[in-house]
């Protein structure tokens, strides 16, 4: 696993766990991590991570418009 060090301005009031959660949710949203991988990065269970995704406006179902059309057409 990579270790990355970043310096945040003092006025940004985030702790390490919050930063991990932000990064994990964004990487999941972009399809770069699976739900399990993102939950592990955020140091949460899959269930807890899934429940928190909504507060970041991230859908559990990462389908683009074309994938949704294909699913509906093939249903």
C-alpha atoms as a PDB file:
ATOM      1  CA  UNK A   1       0.000   0.000   0.000  1.00  0.00           C
ATOM      2  CA  UNK A   2       1.234   3.519  -0.782  1.00  0.00           C
ATOM      3  CA  UNK A   3       1.728   6.134   1.872  1.00  0.00           C
ATOM      4  CA  UNK A   4       0.981   9.703   0.879  1.00  0.00           C
ATOM      5  CA  UNK A   5       1.640  12.737   3.028  1.00  0.00           C
ATOM      6  CA  UNK A   6      -0.254  15.981   2.411  1.00  0.00           C
ATOM      7  CA  UNK A   7      -0.263  19.323   4.155  1.00  0.00           C
ATOM      8  CA  UNK A   8      -3.687  20.871   4.646  1.00  0.00           C
ATOM      9  CA  UNK A   9      -4.248  24.503   5.563  1.00  0.00           C
ATOM     10  CA  UNK A  10      -5.009  24.995   9.246  1.00  0.00           C
ATOM     11  CA  UNK A  11      -8.524  26.236   8.498  1.00  0.00           C
ATOM     12  CA  UNK A  12      -9.487  22.850   7.025  1.00  0.00           C
ATOM     13  CA  UNK A  13     -10.725  20.960  10.042  1.00  0.00           C
ATOM     14  CA  UNK A  14     -10.422  17.331   8.945  1.00  0.00           C
ATOM     15  CA  UNK A  15      -8.843  14.458  10.780  1.00  0.00           C
ATOM     16  CA  UNK A  16      -7.073  11.511   9.132  1.00  0.00           C
ATOM     17  CA  UNK A  17     -10.172   9.289   9.215  1.00  0.00           C
ATOM     18  CA  UNK A  18     -12.283  11.943   7.479  1.00  0.00           C
ATOM     19  CA  UNK A  19      -9.650  12.408   4.762  1.00  0.00           C
ATOM     20  CA  UNK A  20      -9.522   8.640   4.175  1.00  0.00           C
ATOM     21  CA  UNK A  21     -13.302   8.545   3.906  1.00  0.00           C
ATOM     22  CA  UNK A  22     -13.345  11.415   1.393  1.00  0.00           C
ATOM     23  CA  UNK A  23     -10.672   9.776  -0.746  1.00  0.00           C
ATOM     24  CA  UNK A  24     -12.290   6.336  -0.537  1.00  0.00           C
ATOM     25  CA  UNK A  25     -15.715   7.649  -1.543  1.00  0.00           C
ATOM     26  CA  UNK A  26     -14.299   9.602  -4.493  1.00  0.00           C
ATOM     27  CA  UNK A  27     -12.223   6.658  -5.731  1.00  0.00           C
ATOM     28  CA  UNK A  28     -15.290   4.402  -5.448  1.00  0.00           C
ATOM     29  CA  UNK A  29     -17.420   6.942  -7.314  1.00  0.00           C
ATOM     30  CA  UNK A  30     -14.850   7.052 -10.130  1.00  0.00           C
ATOM     31  CA  UNK A  31     -14.737   3.257 -10.318  1.00  0.00           C
ATOM     32  CA  UNK A  32     -11.101   3.052  -9.248  1.00  0.00           C
ATOM     33  CA  UNK A  33     -11.925   1.021  -6.128  1.00  0.00           C
ATOM     34  CA  UNK A  34     -14.532  -1.647  -5.473  1.00  0.00           C
ATOM     35  CA  UNK A  35     -16.910  -1.158  -2.570  1.00  0.00           C
ATOM     36  CA  UNK A  36     -14.821  -3.550  -0.479  1.00  0.00           C
ATOM     37  CA  UNK A  37     -11.548  -1.837  -1.332  1.00  0.00           C
ATOM     38  CA  UNK A  38     -13.004   1.584  -0.581  1.00  0.00           C
ATOM     39  CA  UNK A  39     -14.407   0.388   2.741  1.00  0.00           C
ATOM     40  CA  UNK A  40     -11.008  -1.041   3.642  1.00  0.00           C
ATOM     41  CA  UNK A  41      -9.275   2.249   2.757  1.00  0.00           C
ATOM     42  CA  UNK A  42     -11.784   4.128   4.926  1.00  0.00           C
ATOM     43  CA  UNK A  43     -11.224   1.565   7.702  1.00  0.00           C
ATOM     44  CA  UNK A  44     -14.916   0.719   7.836  1.00  0.00           C
ATOM     45  CA  UNK A  45     -17.023  -2.364   7.281  1.00  0.00           C
ATOM     46  CA  UNK A  46     -18.692  -2.587   3.874  1.00  0.00           C
ATOM     47  CA  UNK A  47     -22.065  -1.956   5.490  1.00  0.00           C
ATOM     48  CA  UNK A  48     -20.879   1.171   7.328  1.00  0.00           C
ATOM     49  CA  UNK A  49     -19.199   2.508   4.189  1.00  0.00           C
ATOM     50  CA  UNK A  50     -22.343   1.918   2.112  1.00  0.00           C
ATOM     51  CA  UNK A  51     -24.456   3.751   4.697  1.00  0.00           C
ATOM     52  CA  UNK A  52     -22.085   6.746   4.647  1.00  0.00           C
ATOM     53  CA  UNK A  53     -21.886   7.022   0.828  1.00  0.00           C
ATOM     54  CA  UNK A  54     -25.191   8.882   0.663  1.00  0.00           C
ATOM     55  CA  UNK A  55     -23.856  11.700   2.818  1.00  0.00           C
ATOM     56  CA  UNK A  56     -21.227  12.273   0.114  1.00  0.00           C
ATOM     57  CA  UNK A  57     -23.864  12.186  -2.654  1.00  0.00           C
ATOM     58  CA  UNK A  58     -22.284   9.022  -4.021  1.00  0.00           C
ATOM     59  CA  UNK A  59     -24.601   6.324  -5.318  1.00  0.00           C
ATOM     60  CA  UNK A  60     -23.980   2.722  -4.392  1.00  0.00           C
ATOM     61  CA  UNK A  61     -24.856   1.873  -7.985  1.00  0.00           C
ATOM     62  CA  UNK A  62     -22.137   3.231 -10.244  1.00  0.00           C
ATOM     63  CA  UNK A  63     -23.804   2.961 -13.626  1.00  0.00           C
ATOM     64  CA  UNK A  64     -23.405   5.494 -16.375  1.00  0.00           C
ATOM     65  CA  UNK A  65     -26.367   6.372 -18.613  1.00  0.00           C
ATOM     66  CA  UNK A  66     -25.376   3.902 -21.333  1.00  0.00           C
ATOM     67  CA  UNK A  67     -25.094   1.012 -18.872  1.00  0.00           C
ATOM     68  CA  UNK A  68     -28.529   1.844 -17.454  1.00  0.00           C
ATOM     69  CA  UNK A  69     -30.068   1.937 -20.949  1.00  0.00           C
ATOM     70  CA  UNK A  70     -28.553  -1.468 -21.727  1.00  0.00           C
ATOM     71  CA  UNK A  71     -29.842  -2.925 -18.472  1.00  0.00           C
ATOM     72  CA  UNK A  72     -33.350  -1.633 -19.132  1.00  0.00           C
ATOM     73  CA  UNK A  73     -33.260  -2.865 -22.729  1.00  0.00           C
ATOM     74  CA  UNK A  74     -32.123  -6.332 -21.625  1.00  0.00           C
ATOM     75  CA  UNK A  75     -34.547  -6.632 -18.709  1.00  0.00           C
END
